[in-house]
Amino acid sequence: MTYSIVARDPLTGELGVAVQSYYFSVGSVVPWAEAGVGAVATQSFVDPSYGPLGLELMRRGKSAPEALRLLVSADPGAAYRQVAMIDAVGRVAVHTGSQCIEAAGHGSSEQVVAQANLMKQPTVWSAMLERFANTRGDLAKRLLAALEAAEEEGGDRRGKQSAALLIVRGQPTGKLWVDRAVDLRVEDHSDPVVELARLLRLQRAHAHHVATLPGLLDDPAVLERLLAASS
């Protein structure tokens, strides 16, 4: 009962997921991503375990198509699932089960995949891909533009409630809070995509400010000094 898009920026290697649904707190179950590994969006009659399991398989060297194939083959509820994945080099995979509620479907292009179920129109996923391809800017801007295109096509048949945007860096730094470039959620709102865009603007302004401040872990020897001081 959701639409989402999963993509990689070929210039930066960033991986991202954007999603909107008439479902409370969709960001807590649908989007998953890890820097240098991949990204997953799991929806329909959602099984959140596709997220961590998919990332673990890709972390162990499986491509996105291989990881998704393994998970779907082991899932007795696969006919009800809709899942999209992308790996660190941009290979995509997507599954729309035969029992997903119409209008349901998916589409993919180079380093991007869109999916939707319980939509007003069967044009939602293609509109998302087209808008993503034709939008200039960074990955966050392009993913948000795809959500806006889905809404213009009618979006979720039931309405709208929550949205999320998750973007991780192309290469891991060893600092999880740094690797997550964007992690925003709108839990319950009358216009969640518009609210998500507002939060992104605020997040960017805040990030610009704090980037000028030194961090505790900028000194790699800080942990040893702290332990020595406590002994």
C-alpha atoms as a PDB file:
ATOM      1  CA  MET A   1       0.000   0.000   0.000  1.00  0.00           C
ATOM      2  CA  THR A   2       3.043   2.110  -0.743  1.00  0.00           C
ATOM      3  CA  TYR A   3       5.306   3.546  -3.421  1.00  0.00           C
ATOM      4  CA  SER A   4       9.086   3.787  -3.184  1.00  0.00           C
ATOM      5  CA  ILE A   5      12.229   4.347  -5.211  1.00  0.00           C
ATOM      6  CA  VAL A   6      15.723   2.950  -4.652  1.00  0.00           C
ATOM      7  CA  ALA A   7      18.724   4.408  -6.467  1.00  0.00           C
ATOM      8  CA  ARG A   8      22.472   5.004  -6.641  1.00  0.00           C
ATOM      9  CA  ASP A   9      24.181   8.228  -7.646  1.00  0.00           C
ATOM     10  CA  PRO A  10      26.854   7.232 -10.202  1.00  0.00           C
ATOM     11  CA  LEU A  11      28.949  10.331  -9.406  1.00  0.00           C
ATOM     12  CA  THR A  12      29.145   9.999  -5.616  1.00  0.00           C
ATOM     13  CA  GLY A  13      28.223   6.355  -5.081  1.00  0.00           C
ATOM     14  CA  GLU A  14      25.514   7.426  -2.625  1.00  0.00           C
ATOM     15  CA  LEU A  15      22.663   4.943  -2.151  1.00  0.00           C
ATOM     16  CA  GLY A  16      19.156   6.037  -1.275  1.00  0.00           C
ATOM     17  CA  VAL A  17      15.544   5.084  -0.644  1.00  0.00           C
ATOM     18  CA  ALA A  18      12.501   7.361  -0.697  1.00  0.00           C
ATOM     19  CA  VAL A  19       9.019   6.159   0.225  1.00  0.00           C
ATOM     20  CA  GLN A  20       5.473   7.414   0.885  1.00  0.00           C
ATOM     21  CA  SER A  21       2.435   5.521   2.118  1.00  0.00           C
ATOM     22  CA  TYR A  22      -0.941   5.725   3.768  1.00  0.00           C
ATOM     23  CA  TYR A  23       0.638   3.906   6.692  1.00  0.00           C
ATOM     24  CA  PHE A  24       1.861   5.244  10.016  1.00  0.00           C
ATOM     25  CA  SER A  25       5.665   5.563  10.321  1.00  0.00           C
ATOM     26  CA  VAL A  26       6.540   3.955   6.993  1.00  0.00           C
ATOM     27  CA  GLY A  27      10.173   4.948   7.502  1.00  0.00           C
ATOM     28  CA  SER A  28      10.524   2.470  10.357  1.00  0.00           C
ATOM     29  CA  VAL A  29       9.893  -0.603   8.167  1.00  0.00           C
ATOM     30  CA  VAL A  30      10.412   0.062   4.432  1.00  0.00           C
ATOM     31  CA  PRO A  31      13.835   1.751   3.835  1.00  0.00           C
ATOM     32  CA  TRP A  32      17.167   0.108   4.625  1.00  0.00           C
ATOM     33  CA  ALA A  33      20.646   1.130   3.477  1.00  0.00           C
ATOM     34  CA  GLU A  34      24.312   0.713   4.371  1.00  0.00           C
ATOM     35  CA  ALA A  35      27.234   2.678   2.952  1.00  0.00           C
ATOM     36  CA  GLY A  36      29.344   0.639   0.554  1.00  0.00           C
ATOM     37  CA  VAL A  37      26.839  -2.253   0.661  1.00  0.00           C
ATOM     38  CA  GLY A  38      23.413  -1.471  -0.792  1.00  0.00           C
ATOM     39  CA  ALA A  39      19.855  -0.308  -0.207  1.00  0.00           C
ATOM     40  CA  VAL A  40      16.510  -2.093   0.159  1.00  0.00           C
ATOM     41  CA  ALA A  41      12.847  -1.064   0.130  1.00  0.00           C
ATOM     42  CA  THR A  42      10.490  -3.776   1.406  1.00  0.00           C
ATOM     43  CA  GLN A  43       6.713  -3.193   1.229  1.00  0.00           C
ATOM     44  CA  SER A  44       3.232  -4.540   0.363  1.00  0.00           C
ATOM     45  CA  PHE A  45       2.431  -7.104   3.101  1.00  0.00           C
ATOM     46  CA  VAL A  46       5.769  -6.021   4.451  1.00  0.00           C
ATOM     47  CA  ASP A  47       8.346  -8.349   5.956  1.00  0.00           C
ATOM     48  CA  PRO A  48      10.954  -5.970   7.427  1.00  0.00           C
ATOM     49  CA  SER A  49      13.521  -8.782   7.624  1.00  0.00           C
ATOM     50  CA  TYR A  50      14.132  -8.385   3.882  1.00  0.00           C
ATOM     51  CA  GLY A  51      16.023  -5.217   4.828  1.00  0.00           C
ATOM     52  CA  PRO A  52      18.708  -6.533   7.204  1.00  0.00           C
ATOM     53  CA  LEU A  53      18.909  -9.910   5.458  1.00  0.00           C
ATOM     54  CA  GLY A  54      19.291  -8.305   2.048  1.00  0.00           C
ATOM     55  CA  LEU A  55      22.044  -6.023   3.313  1.00  0.00           C
ATOM     56  CA  GLU A  56      23.823  -8.929   4.984  1.00  0.00           C
ATOM     57  CA  LEU A  57      23.791 -10.974   1.771  1.00  0.00           C
ATOM     58  CA  MET A  58      25.166  -8.035  -0.224  1.00  0.00           C
ATOM     59  CA  ARG A  59      27.758  -7.384   2.496  1.00  0.00           C
ATOM     60  CA  ARG A  60      28.898 -10.988   1.970  1.00  0.00           C
ATOM     61  CA  GLY A  61      29.391 -10.433  -1.737  1.00  0.00           C
ATOM     62  CA  LYS A  62      26.032 -11.269  -3.307  1.00  0.00           C
ATOM     63  CA  SER A  63      24.736  -8.957  -5.997  1.00  0.00           C
ATOM     64  CA  ALA A  64      21.340  -7.351  -5.522  1.00  0.00           C
ATOM     65  CA  PRO A  65      19.688  -9.808  -7.971  1.00  0.00           C
ATOM     66  CA  GLU A  66      21.314 -12.774  -6.212  1.00  0.00           C
ATOM     67  CA  ALA A  67      20.327 -11.531  -2.754  1.00  0.00           C
ATOM     68  CA  LEU A  68      16.713 -10.914  -3.720  1.00  0.00           C
ATOM     69  CA  ARG A  69      16.409 -14.245  -5.491  1.00  0.00           C
ATOM     70  CA  LEU A  70      17.658 -16.089  -2.390  1.00  0.00           C
ATOM     71  CA  LEU A  71      15.244 -14.271  -0.083  1.00  0.00           C
ATOM     72  CA  VAL A  72      12.197 -14.676  -2.313  1.00  0.00           C
ATOM     73  CA  SER A  73      12.901 -18.383  -2.791  1.00  0.00           C
ATOM     74  CA  ALA A  74      12.945 -18.890   0.992  1.00  0.00           C
ATOM     75  CA  ASP A  75       9.815 -16.818   1.751  1.00  0.00           C
ATOM     76  CA  PRO A  76       6.486 -18.686   1.951  1.00  0.00           C
ATOM     77  CA  GLY A  77       4.722 -15.314   1.664  1.00  0.00           C
ATOM     78  CA  ALA A  78       6.636 -14.154  -1.421  1.00  0.00           C
ATOM     79  CA  ALA A  79       3.445 -13.766  -3.478  1.00  0.00           C
ATOM     80  CA  TYR A  80       2.385 -10.918  -1.152  1.00  0.00           C
ATOM     81  CA  ARG A  81       5.731  -9.098  -1.034  1.00  0.00           C
ATOM     82  CA  GLN A  82       7.110  -6.217  -3.023  1.00  0.00           C
ATOM     83  CA  VAL A  83      10.847  -5.592  -2.637  1.00  0.00           C
ATOM     84  CA  ALA A  84      13.454  -3.510  -4.468  1.00  0.00           C
ATOM     85  CA  MET A  85      17.226  -3.666  -3.963  1.00  0.00           C
ATOM     86  CA  ILE A  86      20.364  -2.030  -5.287  1.00  0.00           C
ATOM     87  CA  ASP A  87      23.951  -2.976  -4.503  1.00  0.00           C
ATOM     88  CA  ALA A  88      27.053  -0.827  -4.125  1.00  0.00           C
ATOM     89  CA  VAL A  89      27.895  -0.901  -7.836  1.00  0.00           C
ATOM     90  CA  GLY A  90      24.358  -0.116  -8.974  1.00  0.00           C
ATOM     91  CA  ARG A  91      22.919  -3.511  -9.907  1.00  0.00           C
ATOM     92  CA  VAL A  92      19.166  -3.496  -9.248  1.00  0.00           C
ATOM     93  CA  ALA A  93      16.576  -6.150  -8.492  1.00  0.00           C
ATOM     94  CA  VAL A  94      12.841  -5.996  -7.846  1.00  0.00           C
ATOM     95  CA  HIS A  95      10.030  -8.416  -7.034  1.00  0.00           C
ATOM     96  CA  THR A  96       6.293  -7.758  -7.178  1.00  0.00           C
ATOM     97  CA  GLY A  97       4.389 -10.782  -5.928  1.00  0.00           C
ATOM     98  CA  SER A  98       1.344 -12.047  -7.792  1.00  0.00           C
ATOM     99  CA  GLN A  99      -0.921 -11.292  -4.795  1.00  0.00           C
ATOM    100  CA  CYS A 100       0.088  -7.640  -4.358  1.00  0.00           C
ATOM    101  CA  ILE A 101      -2.986  -5.418  -4.545  1.00  0.00           C
ATOM    102  CA  GLU A 102      -3.621  -3.605  -7.833  1.00  0.00           C
ATOM    103  CA  ALA A 103      -2.562  -1.318  -9.211  1.00  0.00           C
ATOM    104  CA  ALA A 104       0.799  -2.876  -8.449  1.00  0.00           C
ATOM    105  CA  GLY A 105       3.986  -3.026 -10.438  1.00  0.00           C
ATOM    106  CA  HIS A 106       7.541  -1.887 -10.851  1.00  0.00           C
ATOM    107  CA  GLY A 107      10.059  -0.564 -13.328  1.00  0.00           C
ATOM    108  CA  SER A 108      13.804  -0.075 -13.464  1.00  0.00           C
ATOM    109  CA  SER A 109      16.474   1.775 -15.334  1.00  0.00           C
ATOM    110  CA  GLU A 110      20.219   2.172 -14.912  1.00  0.00           C
ATOM    111  CA  GLN A 111      20.958   2.249 -11.151  1.00  0.00           C
ATOM    112  CA  VAL A 112      17.351   2.974 -10.149  1.00  0.00           C
ATOM    113  CA  VAL A 113      14.188   0.982  -9.486  1.00  0.00           C
ATOM    114  CA  ALA A 114      10.660   2.150  -8.581  1.00  0.00           C
ATOM    115  CA  GLN A 115       7.779   0.092  -7.220  1.00  0.00           C
ATOM    116  CA  ALA A 116       4.208   0.635  -6.031  1.00  0.00           C
ATOM    117  CA  ASN A 117       1.094  -1.221  -4.940  1.00  0.00           C
ATOM    118  CA  LEU A 118      -2.529  -0.265  -4.218  1.00  0.00           C
ATOM    119  CA  MET A 119      -2.178   2.764  -6.489  1.00  0.00           C
ATOM    120  CA  LYS A 120      -4.907   4.747  -8.223  1.00  0.00           C
ATOM    121  CA  GLN A 121      -3.090   4.435 -11.547  1.00  0.00           C
ATOM    122  CA  PRO A 122      -0.756   1.799 -13.053  1.00  0.00           C
ATOM    123  CA  THR A 123       1.428   4.667 -14.266  1.00  0.00           C
ATOM    124  CA  VAL A 124       2.896   5.598 -10.892  1.00  0.00           C
ATOM    125  CA  TRP A 125       6.173   3.669 -11.115  1.00  0.00           C
ATOM    126  CA  SER A 126       6.940   4.748 -14.679  1.00  0.00           C
ATOM    127  CA  ALA A 127       6.233   8.382 -13.757  1.00  0.00           C
ATOM    128  CA  MET A 128       8.655   8.091 -10.851  1.00  0.00           C
ATOM    129  CA  LEU A 129      11.416   6.763 -13.085  1.00  0.00           C
ATOM    130  CA  GLU A 130      10.844   9.431 -15.701  1.00  0.00           C
ATOM    131  CA  ARG A 131      10.923  12.274 -13.164  1.00  0.00           C
ATOM    132  CA  PHE A 132      14.036  10.863 -11.506  1.00  0.00           C
ATOM    133  CA  ALA A 133      15.815  10.685 -14.867  1.00  0.00           C
ATOM    134  CA  ASN A 134      14.818  14.220 -15.849  1.00  0.00           C
ATOM    135  CA  THR A 135      15.635  15.952 -12.550  1.00  0.00           C
ATOM    136  CA  ARG A 136      19.019  17.623 -12.103  1.00  0.00           C
ATOM    137  CA  GLY A 137      20.658  17.801  -8.717  1.00  0.00           C
ATOM    138  CA  ASP A 138      21.911  15.495  -6.005  1.00  0.00           C
ATOM    139  CA  LEU A 139      20.387  12.156  -5.098  1.00  0.00           C
ATOM    140  CA  ALA A 140      18.103  13.574  -2.385  1.00  0.00           C
ATOM    141  CA  LYS A 141      16.569  16.094  -4.776  1.00  0.00           C
ATOM    142  CA  ARG A 142      15.994  13.467  -7.468  1.00  0.00           C
ATOM    143  CA  LEU A 143      14.419  10.971  -5.061  1.00  0.00           C
ATOM    144  CA  LEU A 144      12.043  13.618  -3.710  1.00  0.00           C
ATOM    145  CA  ALA A 145      11.119  14.608  -7.252  1.00  0.00           C
ATOM    146  CA  ALA A 146      10.163  10.983  -7.925  1.00  0.00           C
ATOM    147  CA  LEU A 147       7.820  10.987  -4.908  1.00  0.00           C
ATOM    148  CA  GLU A 148       6.221  14.191  -6.156  1.00  0.00           C
ATOM    149  CA  ALA A 149       5.653  12.569  -9.561  1.00  0.00           C
ATOM    150  CA  ALA A 150       3.925   9.618  -7.888  1.00  0.00           C
ATOM    151  CA  GLU A 151       1.554  11.977  -6.095  1.00  0.00           C
ATOM    152  CA  GLU A 152       0.766  13.756  -9.351  1.00  0.00           C
ATOM    153  CA  GLU A 153      -0.268  10.377 -10.810  1.00  0.00           C
ATOM    154  CA  GLY A 154      -2.721   9.867  -7.955  1.00  0.00           C
ATOM    155  CA  GLY A 155      -0.475   8.067  -5.475  1.00  0.00           C
ATOM    156  CA  ASP A 156      -1.791   5.637  -2.877  1.00  0.00           C
ATOM    157  CA  ARG A 157      -5.473   4.806  -3.456  1.00  0.00           C
ATOM    158  CA  ARG A 158      -6.224   5.263   0.259  1.00  0.00           C
ATOM    159  CA  GLY A 159      -4.519   8.650   0.675  1.00  0.00           C
ATOM    160  CA  LYS A 160      -1.250   9.727   2.277  1.00  0.00           C
ATOM    161  CA  GLN A 161       0.153   9.670   5.784  1.00  0.00           C
ATOM    162  CA  SER A 162       3.905   9.143   6.156  1.00  0.00           C
ATOM    163  CA  ALA A 163       7.123   9.371   4.161  1.00  0.00           C
ATOM    164  CA  ALA A 164      10.851   8.830   4.574  1.00  0.00           C
ATOM    165  CA  LEU A 165      14.159   9.583   2.882  1.00  0.00           C
ATOM    166  CA  LEU A 166      17.313   7.593   3.654  1.00  0.00           C
ATOM    167  CA  ILE A 167      20.648   8.220   1.910  1.00  0.00           C
ATOM    168  CA  VAL A 168      24.026   6.711   2.775  1.00  0.00           C
ATOM    169  CA  ARG A 169      27.460   7.618   1.448  1.00  0.00           C
ATOM    170  CA  GLY A 170      29.169   5.641  -1.274  1.00  0.00           C
ATOM    171  CA  GLN A 171      32.079   4.550   0.900  1.00  0.00           C
ATOM    172  CA  PRO A 172      31.860   3.707   4.604  1.00  0.00           C
ATOM    173  CA  THR A 173      33.835   5.890   7.001  1.00  0.00           C
ATOM    174  CA  GLY A 174      33.542   3.627  10.032  1.00  0.00           C
ATOM    175  CA  LYS A 175      31.269   6.230  11.634  1.00  0.00           C
ATOM    176  CA  LEU A 176      27.630   5.254  11.169  1.00  0.00           C
ATOM    177  CA  TRP A 177      26.384   8.763  11.930  1.00  0.00           C
ATOM    178  CA  VAL A 178      28.609  10.136   9.149  1.00  0.00           C
ATOM    179  CA  ASP A 179      27.714   7.397   6.671  1.00  0.00           C
ATOM    180  CA  ARG A 180      24.021   8.341   6.915  1.00  0.00           C
ATOM    181  CA  ALA A 181      23.972  11.521   4.876  1.00  0.00           C
ATOM    182  CA  VAL A 182      20.184  11.907   5.142  1.00  0.00           C
ATOM    183  CA  ASP A 183      17.812  10.073   7.484  1.00  0.00           C
ATOM    184  CA  LEU A 184      14.444  11.837   7.635  1.00  0.00           C
ATOM    185  CA  ARG A 185      10.981  10.579   8.539  1.00  0.00           C
ATOM    186  CA  VAL A 186       7.507  12.074   8.482  1.00  0.00           C
ATOM    187  CA  GLU A 187       5.462   9.801  10.716  1.00  0.00           C
ATOM    188  CA  ASP A 188       1.949  11.274  10.375  1.00  0.00           C
ATOM    189  CA  HIS A 189       1.103  14.276   8.208  1.00  0.00           C
ATOM    190  CA  SER A 190      -1.611  15.450   5.835  1.00  0.00           C
ATOM    191  CA  ASP A 191       0.966  16.072   3.077  1.00  0.00           C
ATOM    192  CA  PRO A 192       4.015  13.973   3.939  1.00  0.00           C
ATOM    193  CA  VAL A 193       5.999  14.525   0.725  1.00  0.00           C
ATOM    194  CA  VAL A 194       5.796  18.314   1.103  1.00  0.00           C
ATOM    195  CA  GLU A 195       6.776  17.986   4.758  1.00  0.00           C
ATOM    196  CA  LEU A 196       9.681  15.715   3.839  1.00  0.00           C
ATOM    197  CA  ALA A 197      10.993  18.369   1.431  1.00  0.00           C
ATOM    198  CA  ARG A 198      10.771  20.974   4.204  1.00  0.00           C
ATOM    199  CA  LEU A 199      12.707  18.751   6.606  1.00  0.00           C
ATOM    200  CA  LEU A 200      15.403  18.180   3.998  1.00  0.00           C
ATOM    201  CA  ARG A 201      15.915  21.928   3.655  1.00  0.00           C
ATOM    202  CA  LEU A 202      16.247  22.239   7.434  1.00  0.00           C
ATOM    203  CA  GLN A 203      18.628  19.291   7.613  1.00  0.00           C
ATOM    204  CA  ARG A 204      20.899  20.820   4.988  1.00  0.00           C
ATOM    205  CA  ALA A 205      20.989  24.158   6.775  1.00  0.00           C
ATOM    206  CA  HIS A 206      21.842  22.453  10.061  1.00  0.00           C
ATOM    207  CA  ALA A 207      24.524  20.267   8.440  1.00  0.00           C
ATOM    208  CA  HIS A 208      26.159  23.357   6.919  1.00  0.00           C
ATOM    209  CA  HIS A 209      26.420  24.905  10.384  1.00  0.00           C
ATOM    210  CA  VAL A 210      27.755  21.906  12.322  1.00  0.00           C
ATOM    211  CA  ALA A 211      30.303  21.041   9.599  1.00  0.00           C
ATOM    212  CA  THR A 212      32.371  24.010  10.798  1.00  0.00           C
ATOM    213  CA  LEU A 213      32.678  22.633  14.342  1.00  0.00           C
ATOM    214  CA  PRO A 214      35.436  20.183  15.407  1.00  0.00           C
ATOM    215  CA  GLY A 215      34.331  16.717  16.483  1.00  0.00           C
ATOM    216  CA  LEU A 216      35.478  14.577  19.394  1.00  0.00           C
ATOM    217  CA  LEU A 217      36.517  11.730  17.102  1.00  0.00           C
ATOM    218  CA  ASP A 218      38.504  13.990  14.779  1.00  0.00           C
ATOM    219  CA  ASP A 219      41.376  12.967  17.066  1.00  0.00           C
ATOM    220  CA  PRO A 220      41.957   9.213  16.477  1.00  0.00           C
ATOM    221  CA  ALA A 221      43.759   8.845  19.824  1.00  0.00           C
ATOM    222  CA  VAL A 222      40.870  10.198  21.894  1.00  0.00           C
ATOM    223  CA  LEU A 223      39.653   6.791  23.103  1.00  0.00           C
ATOM    224  CA  GLU A 224      43.074   5.764  24.391  1.00  0.00           C
ATOM    225  CA  ARG A 225      43.464   9.081  26.219  1.00  0.00           C
ATOM    226  CA  LEU A 226      40.045   8.726  27.832  1.00  0.00           C
ATOM    227  CA  LEU A 227      40.787   5.195  29.008  1.00  0.00           C
ATOM    228  CA  ALA A 228      44.165   6.214  30.341  1.00  0.00           C
ATOM    229  CA  ALA A 229      42.624   9.100  32.269  1.00  0.00           C
ATOM    230  CA  SER A 230      40.077   6.794  33.883  1.00  0.00           C
ATOM    231  CA  SER A 231      42.605   4.220  35.108  1.00  0.00           C
END
